[in-house]
């Protein structure tokens, strides 16, 4: 199936089973290799998979996609394992001045997904030290830093970040379990 789209049409992608959507006529189903219109998708290295393509907005010729759409595309690309495309989307949002903390965190997570732990740490720390970082964002960043340091075998740093998480949000994810396990292992 080959479909052509006007590049000015904003698209949101998500994995789905076409038969599960209640209004299939509202969407078109295409193979990943037809999505090169999104730019940056490494089509040749992507296994063919059906994805749902929803028209989000029909914008005028030459207009950029809005920030939220770019962010959503980045998240969808990461979810599909298209990490280079995801990073490109998050960097575009950064260049347009939007959602600095979230984008840096997502770029860091993409690096982490690739096993590029030192780049991930750098991005997450950059996000952590932005002036606009909220407490809840800091907690999530500390947790991710703890996970990476734990994976690297640096128990001291991992514990430091998990303890920061627990001091602000005692029930956050599995931080307490991870802290207990690291203390027992270090002990």
C-alpha atoms as a PDB file:
ATOM      1  CA  UNK A   1       0.000   0.000   0.000  1.00  0.00           C
ATOM      2  CA  UNK A   2       1.466   3.331  -0.959  1.00  0.00           C
ATOM      3  CA  UNK A   3      -0.027   6.594   0.192  1.00  0.00           C
ATOM      4  CA  UNK A   4       1.278  10.066  -0.432  1.00  0.00           C
ATOM      5  CA  UNK A   5       0.676  12.911   1.975  1.00  0.00           C
ATOM      6  CA  UNK A   6       1.130  16.636   1.766  1.00  0.00           C
ATOM      7  CA  UNK A   7       4.097  17.398   4.025  1.00  0.00           C
ATOM      8  CA  UNK A   8       2.036  20.192   5.598  1.00  0.00           C
ATOM      9  CA  UNK A   9      -0.242  17.641   7.237  1.00  0.00           C
ATOM     10  CA  UNK A  10       0.743  17.036  10.828  1.00  0.00           C
ATOM     11  CA  UNK A  11       0.748  13.361  11.770  1.00  0.00           C
ATOM     12  CA  UNK A  12       0.683  11.508  15.028  1.00  0.00           C
ATOM     13  CA  UNK A  13       1.832   7.879  15.021  1.00  0.00           C
ATOM     14  CA  UNK A  14       1.189   5.060  17.443  1.00  0.00           C
ATOM     15  CA  UNK A  15       1.316   1.307  17.234  1.00  0.00           C
ATOM     16  CA  UNK A  16      -2.070  -0.276  16.943  1.00  0.00           C
ATOM     17  CA  UNK A  17      -4.023  -3.169  15.564  1.00  0.00           C
ATOM     18  CA  UNK A  18      -6.132  -1.659  12.754  1.00  0.00           C
ATOM     19  CA  UNK A  19      -9.084  -3.892  13.536  1.00  0.00           C
ATOM     20  CA  UNK A  20      -9.235  -2.642  17.136  1.00  0.00           C
ATOM     21  CA  UNK A  21      -9.993   0.972  16.293  1.00  0.00           C
ATOM     22  CA  UNK A  22     -13.706   1.839  16.526  1.00  0.00           C
ATOM     23  CA  UNK A  23     -13.635   4.194  13.513  1.00  0.00           C
ATOM     24  CA  UNK A  24     -11.267   2.719  10.948  1.00  0.00           C
ATOM     25  CA  UNK A  25     -12.489   5.068   8.229  1.00  0.00           C
ATOM     26  CA  UNK A  26     -11.071   8.023  10.207  1.00  0.00           C
ATOM     27  CA  UNK A  27      -7.553   6.679   9.826  1.00  0.00           C
ATOM     28  CA  UNK A  28      -5.356   5.250   7.150  1.00  0.00           C
ATOM     29  CA  UNK A  29      -3.007   2.346   7.742  1.00  0.00           C
ATOM     30  CA  UNK A  30       0.340   2.393   6.059  1.00  0.00           C
ATOM     31  CA  UNK A  31       3.559   0.440   6.274  1.00  0.00           C
ATOM     32  CA  UNK A  32       6.475   2.056   8.098  1.00  0.00           C
ATOM     33  CA  UNK A  33       8.349   2.414   4.809  1.00  0.00           C
ATOM     34  CA  UNK A  34       5.629   4.801   3.635  1.00  0.00           C
ATOM     35  CA  UNK A  35       6.277   7.111   6.590  1.00  0.00           C
ATOM     36  CA  UNK A  36       9.444   8.637   5.188  1.00  0.00           C
ATOM     37  CA  UNK A  37       7.427  11.838   4.974  1.00  0.00           C
ATOM     38  CA  UNK A  38       8.086  12.214   8.682  1.00  0.00           C
ATOM     39  CA  UNK A  39      11.732  12.768   7.754  1.00  0.00           C
ATOM     40  CA  UNK A  40      14.494  11.069   9.815  1.00  0.00           C
ATOM     41  CA  UNK A  41      12.828   7.672  10.162  1.00  0.00           C
ATOM     42  CA  UNK A  42      15.520   5.054   9.454  1.00  0.00           C
ATOM     43  CA  UNK A  43      13.237   3.159   7.109  1.00  0.00           C
ATOM     44  CA  UNK A  44      15.860   0.741   5.831  1.00  0.00           C
ATOM     45  CA  UNK A  45      16.592  -0.496   9.359  1.00  0.00           C
ATOM     46  CA  UNK A  46      12.991  -0.546  10.541  1.00  0.00           C
ATOM     47  CA  UNK A  47      11.018  -3.770  10.323  1.00  0.00           C
ATOM     48  CA  UNK A  48       7.755  -3.355   8.511  1.00  0.00           C
ATOM     49  CA  UNK A  49       4.971  -2.879  10.989  1.00  0.00           C
ATOM     50  CA  UNK A  50       1.545  -1.406  10.753  1.00  0.00           C
ATOM     51  CA  UNK A  51       1.127   1.871  12.509  1.00  0.00           C
ATOM     52  CA  UNK A  52      -1.833   4.135  12.917  1.00  0.00           C
ATOM     53  CA  UNK A  53      -1.504   7.473  11.241  1.00  0.00           C
ATOM     54  CA  UNK A  54      -3.970  10.078  12.392  1.00  0.00           C
ATOM     55  CA  UNK A  55      -4.252  13.436  10.752  1.00  0.00           C
ATOM     56  CA  UNK A  56      -3.887  15.863  13.622  1.00  0.00           C
ATOM     57  CA  UNK A  57      -4.002  19.182  11.827  1.00  0.00           C
ATOM     58  CA  UNK A  58      -3.920  20.360   8.258  1.00  0.00           C
ATOM     59  CA  UNK A  59      -1.574  23.311   8.391  1.00  0.00           C
ATOM     60  CA  UNK A  60      -0.703  25.763   5.669  1.00  0.00           C
ATOM     61  CA  UNK A  61       2.093  25.033   3.223  1.00  0.00           C
ATOM     62  CA  UNK A  62       5.519  25.570   4.777  1.00  0.00           C
ATOM     63  CA  UNK A  63       4.375  25.905   8.399  1.00  0.00           C
ATOM     64  CA  UNK A  64       6.233  23.914  11.043  1.00  0.00           C
ATOM     65  CA  UNK A  65       4.457  21.278  13.081  1.00  0.00           C
ATOM     66  CA  UNK A  66       3.402  22.598  16.452  1.00  0.00           C
ATOM     67  CA  UNK A  67       5.546  21.793  19.475  1.00  0.00           C
ATOM     68  CA  UNK A  68       3.129  19.309  21.027  1.00  0.00           C
ATOM     69  CA  UNK A  69       2.873  17.355  17.791  1.00  0.00           C
ATOM     70  CA  UNK A  70       6.679  17.239  17.480  1.00  0.00           C
ATOM     71  CA  UNK A  71       6.901  16.093  21.089  1.00  0.00           C
ATOM     72  CA  UNK A  72       4.250  13.423  20.523  1.00  0.00           C
ATOM     73  CA  UNK A  73       6.074  12.247  17.399  1.00  0.00           C
ATOM     74  CA  UNK A  74       9.296  11.983  19.375  1.00  0.00           C
ATOM     75  CA  UNK A  75       7.615   9.912  22.077  1.00  0.00           C
ATOM     76  CA  UNK A  76       5.965   7.660  19.487  1.00  0.00           C
ATOM     77  CA  UNK A  77       9.281   7.162  17.675  1.00  0.00           C
ATOM     78  CA  UNK A  78      10.982   6.237  20.959  1.00  0.00           C
ATOM     79  CA  UNK A  79       8.172   3.802  21.768  1.00  0.00           C
ATOM     80  CA  UNK A  80       8.746   2.139  18.398  1.00  0.00           C
ATOM     81  CA  UNK A  81      12.503   1.972  18.958  1.00  0.00           C
ATOM     82  CA  UNK A  82      13.256   4.653  16.358  1.00  0.00           C
ATOM     83  CA  UNK A  83      15.701   6.387  18.662  1.00  0.00           C
ATOM     84  CA  UNK A  84      17.500   8.561  16.112  1.00  0.00           C
ATOM     85  CA  UNK A  85      14.185   9.889  14.836  1.00  0.00           C
ATOM     86  CA  UNK A  86      13.002  10.476  18.401  1.00  0.00           C
ATOM     87  CA  UNK A  87      16.129  12.434  19.309  1.00  0.00           C
ATOM     88  CA  UNK A  88      15.739  14.515  16.161  1.00  0.00           C
ATOM     89  CA  UNK A  89      12.138  15.377  17.120  1.00  0.00           C
ATOM     90  CA  UNK A  90      13.094  16.302  20.695  1.00  0.00           C
ATOM     91  CA  UNK A  91      15.997  18.447  19.444  1.00  0.00           C
ATOM     92  CA  UNK A  92      13.602  20.251  17.104  1.00  0.00           C
ATOM     93  CA  UNK A  93      11.308  21.086  20.019  1.00  0.00           C
ATOM     94  CA  UNK A  94      14.361  22.308  21.972  1.00  0.00           C
ATOM     95  CA  UNK A  95      15.421  24.520  19.070  1.00  0.00           C
ATOM     96  CA  UNK A  96      11.936  26.051  18.978  1.00  0.00           C
ATOM     97  CA  UNK A  97      12.168  26.872  22.690  1.00  0.00           C
ATOM     98  CA  UNK A  98       9.648  24.375  24.003  1.00  0.00           C
ATOM     99  CA  UNK A  99       9.545  21.917  26.911  1.00  0.00           C
ATOM    100  CA  UNK A 100      13.272  22.056  27.704  1.00  0.00           C
ATOM    101  CA  UNK A 101      13.220  19.748  30.732  1.00  0.00           C
ATOM    102  CA  UNK A 102      11.032  17.065  29.178  1.00  0.00           C
ATOM    103  CA  UNK A 103      12.932  17.085  25.885  1.00  0.00           C
ATOM    104  CA  UNK A 104      16.328  16.786  27.587  1.00  0.00           C
ATOM    105  CA  UNK A 105      14.976  13.974  29.732  1.00  0.00           C
ATOM    106  CA  UNK A 106      13.620  12.157  26.684  1.00  0.00           C
ATOM    107  CA  UNK A 107      16.897  12.618  24.792  1.00  0.00           C
ATOM    108  CA  UNK A 108      18.680  11.220  27.839  1.00  0.00           C
ATOM    109  CA  UNK A 109      16.343   8.231  27.911  1.00  0.00           C
ATOM    110  CA  UNK A 110      16.976   7.604  24.209  1.00  0.00           C
ATOM    111  CA  UNK A 111      20.722   7.566  24.925  1.00  0.00           C
ATOM    112  CA  UNK A 112      20.066   5.209  27.824  1.00  0.00           C
ATOM    113  CA  UNK A 113      17.991   2.940  25.563  1.00  0.00           C
ATOM    114  CA  UNK A 114      20.994   2.747  23.232  1.00  0.00           C
ATOM    115  CA  UNK A 115      23.359   1.941  26.095  1.00  0.00           C
ATOM    116  CA  UNK A 116      25.043   5.348  25.799  1.00  0.00           C
ATOM    117  CA  UNK A 117      24.992   5.859  29.543  1.00  0.00           C
ATOM    118  CA  UNK A 118      27.446   8.755  29.804  1.00  0.00           C
ATOM    119  CA  UNK A 119      25.552  10.781  27.191  1.00  0.00           C
ATOM    120  CA  UNK A 120      22.318   9.916  29.004  1.00  0.00           C
ATOM    121  CA  UNK A 121      23.742  11.129  32.316  1.00  0.00           C
ATOM    122  CA  UNK A 122      24.880  14.373  30.687  1.00  0.00           C
ATOM    123  CA  UNK A 123      21.446  15.085  29.194  1.00  0.00           C
ATOM    124  CA  UNK A 124      19.602  14.187  32.400  1.00  0.00           C
ATOM    125  CA  UNK A 125      21.879  16.406  34.491  1.00  0.00           C
ATOM    126  CA  UNK A 126      21.446  19.245  31.996  1.00  0.00           C
ATOM    127  CA  UNK A 127      17.690  18.883  32.464  1.00  0.00           C
ATOM    128  CA  UNK A 128      18.063  18.730  36.226  1.00  0.00           C
ATOM    129  CA  UNK A 129      19.906  22.030  36.400  1.00  0.00           C
ATOM    130  CA  UNK A 130      17.570  24.038  34.200  1.00  0.00           C
ATOM    131  CA  UNK A 131      15.955  26.873  36.109  1.00  0.00           C
ATOM    132  CA  UNK A 132      12.428  25.789  35.108  1.00  0.00           C
ATOM    133  CA  UNK A 133      12.795  22.202  36.418  1.00  0.00           C
ATOM    134  CA  UNK A 134       9.924  21.465  38.803  1.00  0.00           C
ATOM    135  CA  UNK A 135      10.171  19.241  41.851  1.00  0.00           C
ATOM    136  CA  UNK A 136       8.228  16.435  40.181  1.00  0.00           C
ATOM    137  CA  UNK A 137      10.515  16.617  37.122  1.00  0.00           C
ATOM    138  CA  UNK A 138      13.566  16.571  39.390  1.00  0.00           C
ATOM    139  CA  UNK A 139      12.261  13.448  41.122  1.00  0.00           C
ATOM    140  CA  UNK A 140      11.842  11.673  37.783  1.00  0.00           C
ATOM    141  CA  UNK A 141      15.318  12.792  36.676  1.00  0.00           C
ATOM    142  CA  UNK A 142      16.923  11.620  39.940  1.00  0.00           C
ATOM    143  CA  UNK A 143      15.228   8.262  39.530  1.00  0.00           C
ATOM    144  CA  UNK A 144      16.495   7.835  35.961  1.00  0.00           C
ATOM    145  CA  UNK A 145      20.003   8.881  37.019  1.00  0.00           C
ATOM    146  CA  UNK A 146      19.840   6.295  39.813  1.00  0.00           C
ATOM    147  CA  UNK A 147      18.846   3.579  37.337  1.00  0.00           C
ATOM    148  CA  UNK A 148      21.704   4.429  35.006  1.00  0.00           C
ATOM    149  CA  UNK A 149      24.302   4.546  37.781  1.00  0.00           C
ATOM    150  CA  UNK A 150      22.940   1.268  39.112  1.00  0.00           C
ATOM    151  CA  UNK A 151      23.318  -0.295  35.660  1.00  0.00           C
ATOM    152  CA  UNK A 152      26.884   1.047  35.498  1.00  0.00           C
ATOM    153  CA  UNK A 153      27.621  -0.622  38.843  1.00  0.00           C
ATOM    154  CA  UNK A 154      28.166   2.676  40.676  1.00  0.00           C
ATOM    155  CA  UNK A 155      26.165   1.837  43.797  1.00  0.00           C
ATOM    156  CA  UNK A 156      27.190   4.980  45.682  1.00  0.00           C
ATOM    157  CA  UNK A 157      25.861   7.329  42.981  1.00  0.00           C
ATOM    158  CA  UNK A 158      22.761   5.184  42.443  1.00  0.00           C
ATOM    159  CA  UNK A 159      21.976   5.296  46.166  1.00  0.00           C
ATOM    160  CA  UNK A 160      22.544   9.043  46.248  1.00  0.00           C
ATOM    161  CA  UNK A 161      19.939   9.642  43.534  1.00  0.00           C
ATOM    162  CA  UNK A 162      17.424   7.111  44.887  1.00  0.00           C
ATOM    163  CA  UNK A 163      17.696   8.737  48.334  1.00  0.00           C
ATOM    164  CA  UNK A 164      16.984  12.127  46.742  1.00  0.00           C
ATOM    165  CA  UNK A 165      13.880  10.582  45.169  1.00  0.00           C
ATOM    166  CA  UNK A 166      12.724   9.084  48.472  1.00  0.00           C
ATOM    167  CA  UNK A 167      13.296  12.319  50.397  1.00  0.00           C
ATOM    168  CA  UNK A 168      10.803  14.086  48.108  1.00  0.00           C
ATOM    169  CA  UNK A 169       8.442  11.279  47.066  1.00  0.00           C
ATOM    170  CA  UNK A 170       8.701   8.203  49.323  1.00  0.00           C
ATOM    171  CA  UNK A 171       6.396   6.085  47.151  1.00  0.00           C
ATOM    172  CA  UNK A 172       7.932   6.927  43.773  1.00  0.00           C
ATOM    173  CA  UNK A 173       8.013   3.874  41.520  1.00  0.00           C
ATOM    174  CA  UNK A 174      10.327   1.195  42.929  1.00  0.00           C
ATOM    175  CA  UNK A 175      12.929   3.596  44.376  1.00  0.00           C
ATOM    176  CA  UNK A 176      12.528   2.196  47.906  1.00  0.00           C
ATOM    177  CA  UNK A 177      13.006  -1.382  46.710  1.00  0.00           C
ATOM    178  CA  UNK A 178      16.065  -0.403  44.673  1.00  0.00           C
ATOM    179  CA  UNK A 179      17.543   1.492  47.635  1.00  0.00           C
ATOM    180  CA  UNK A 180      16.987  -1.446  49.983  1.00  0.00           C
ATOM    181  CA  UNK A 181      18.532  -3.872  47.508  1.00  0.00           C
ATOM    182  CA  UNK A 182      21.574  -1.653  46.913  1.00  0.00           C
ATOM    183  CA  UNK A 183      22.146  -1.155  50.654  1.00  0.00           C
ATOM    184  CA  UNK A 184      21.932  -4.921  51.268  1.00  0.00           C
ATOM    185  CA  UNK A 185      24.301  -5.602  48.387  1.00  0.00           C
ATOM    186  CA  UNK A 186      26.765  -2.951  49.615  1.00  0.00           C
ATOM    187  CA  UNK A 187      26.448  -3.867  53.202  1.00  0.00           C
END
